[in-house]
Protein backbone atom coordinates (compact mmCIF):
# COMPACT_ATOMS: atom_id res chain seq x y z
CA MET A 1 -7.07 -13.09 -4.56
CA ASN A 2 -8.06 -9.25 -6.26
CA GLU A 3 -6.86 -7.91 -9.08
CA ALA A 4 -4.66 -4.83 -8.51
CA ALA A 5 -5.75 -1.64 -10.63
CA GLU A 6 -2.54 -0.31 -10.15
CA LYS A 7 0.37 -1.58 -8.76
CA LEU A 8 3.03 1.12 -6.52
CA ASP A 9 6.74 -0.16 -6.27
CA ALA A 10 8.03 1.95 -3.13
CA ARG A 11 11.47 -0.05 -2.98
CA GLY A 12 14.12 0.98 -1.58
CA LEU A 13 12.03 4.44 -0.72
CA ASN A 14 12.30 4.95 3.20
CA CYS A 15 9.11 6.44 5.34
CA PRO A 16 7.16 8.29 5.14
CA LEU A 17 8.03 7.99 0.65
CA PRO A 18 6.20 4.47 0.79
CA ILE A 19 2.90 6.30 3.04
CA LEU A 20 3.36 9.68 0.32
CA LYS A 21 2.97 7.43 -3.03
CA THR A 22 0.05 5.49 -1.49
CA ARG A 23 -1.57 8.34 -1.08
CA LYS A 24 -1.20 9.94 -4.79
CA ALA A 25 -2.01 6.45 -5.84
CA LEU A 26 -5.31 6.26 -5.10
CA ASN A 27 -6.09 9.47 -5.88
CA GLN A 28 -5.96 8.26 -8.64
CA ILE A 29 -8.00 4.81 -8.42
CA ASN A 30 -11.99 4.83 -7.84
CA ALA A 31 -13.06 3.53 -4.91
CA GLY A 32 -13.47 -0.65 -3.91
CA GLN A 33 -10.06 -0.42 -7.50
CA ILE A 34 -6.79 -2.46 -5.25
CA LEU A 35 -3.60 -0.77 -4.80
CA GLU A 36 -1.23 -3.42 -4.46
CA VAL A 37 2.49 -1.44 -2.96
CA THR A 38 5.53 -2.58 -2.82
CA SER A 39 7.76 -1.53 0.11
CA SER A 40 11.62 -2.71 0.92
CA ASP A 41 10.80 -0.61 4.62
CA PRO A 42 11.01 -2.64 7.21
CA GLY A 43 9.09 -0.02 8.56
CA SER A 44 5.94 0.18 5.95
CA VAL A 45 4.60 -2.55 7.73
CA LYS A 46 3.34 -0.69 10.68
CA ASP A 47 3.07 2.33 8.66
CA MET A 48 0.58 0.88 6.36
CA ALA A 49 -1.81 -0.64 8.91
CA ALA A 50 -2.06 3.11 10.97
CA PHE A 51 -2.93 4.45 6.88
CA CYS A 52 -5.89 2.61 6.38
CA LYS A 53 -6.53 2.77 9.25
CA GLN A 54 -7.01 6.37 9.80
CA THR A 55 -7.75 7.56 6.26
CA GLY A 56 -10.65 4.23 5.72
CA ASN A 57 -9.46 2.75 3.27
CA ARG A 58 -9.03 -0.97 3.56
CA LEU A 59 -6.27 -3.68 3.74
CA VAL A 60 -6.89 -6.35 2.75
CA ALA A 61 -3.73 -8.30 2.59
CA SER A 62 -0.26 -7.54 3.81
CA ASN A 63 2.72 -9.57 2.76
CA GLU A 64 6.08 -10.48 2.86
CA THR A 65 8.43 -12.22 0.57
CA GLU A 66 11.80 -12.71 0.32
CA ASN A 67 13.24 -8.81 0.52
CA SER A 68 9.66 -6.68 0.43
CA PHE A 69 6.39 -6.20 1.70
CA VAL A 70 3.29 -6.45 -0.47
CA PHE A 71 0.45 -4.20 0.61
CA LEU A 72 -3.02 -4.87 -1.26
CA ILE A 73 -5.36 -1.72 -0.53
CA GLU A 74 -8.75 -1.55 -0.99
CA LYS A 75 -10.09 2.15 -1.97
CA ALA A 76 -12.99 3.44 0.13
């Protein structure tokens, strides 16, 4: 399992806030580091995949837990 350099809790936020906060958090870490994002917005599953594809960052993992979604994003 990749160790996250930074963790972002975006639970309780609706689109587009999780993506905006993810973009900001990615700016705080170095290329190759992992950002772990937790969101409660079901739309974030599709949004994170599209965001990573659009920005060139790598979606390492996308998991659903009991009432949230956890994403591991490797900064390009």
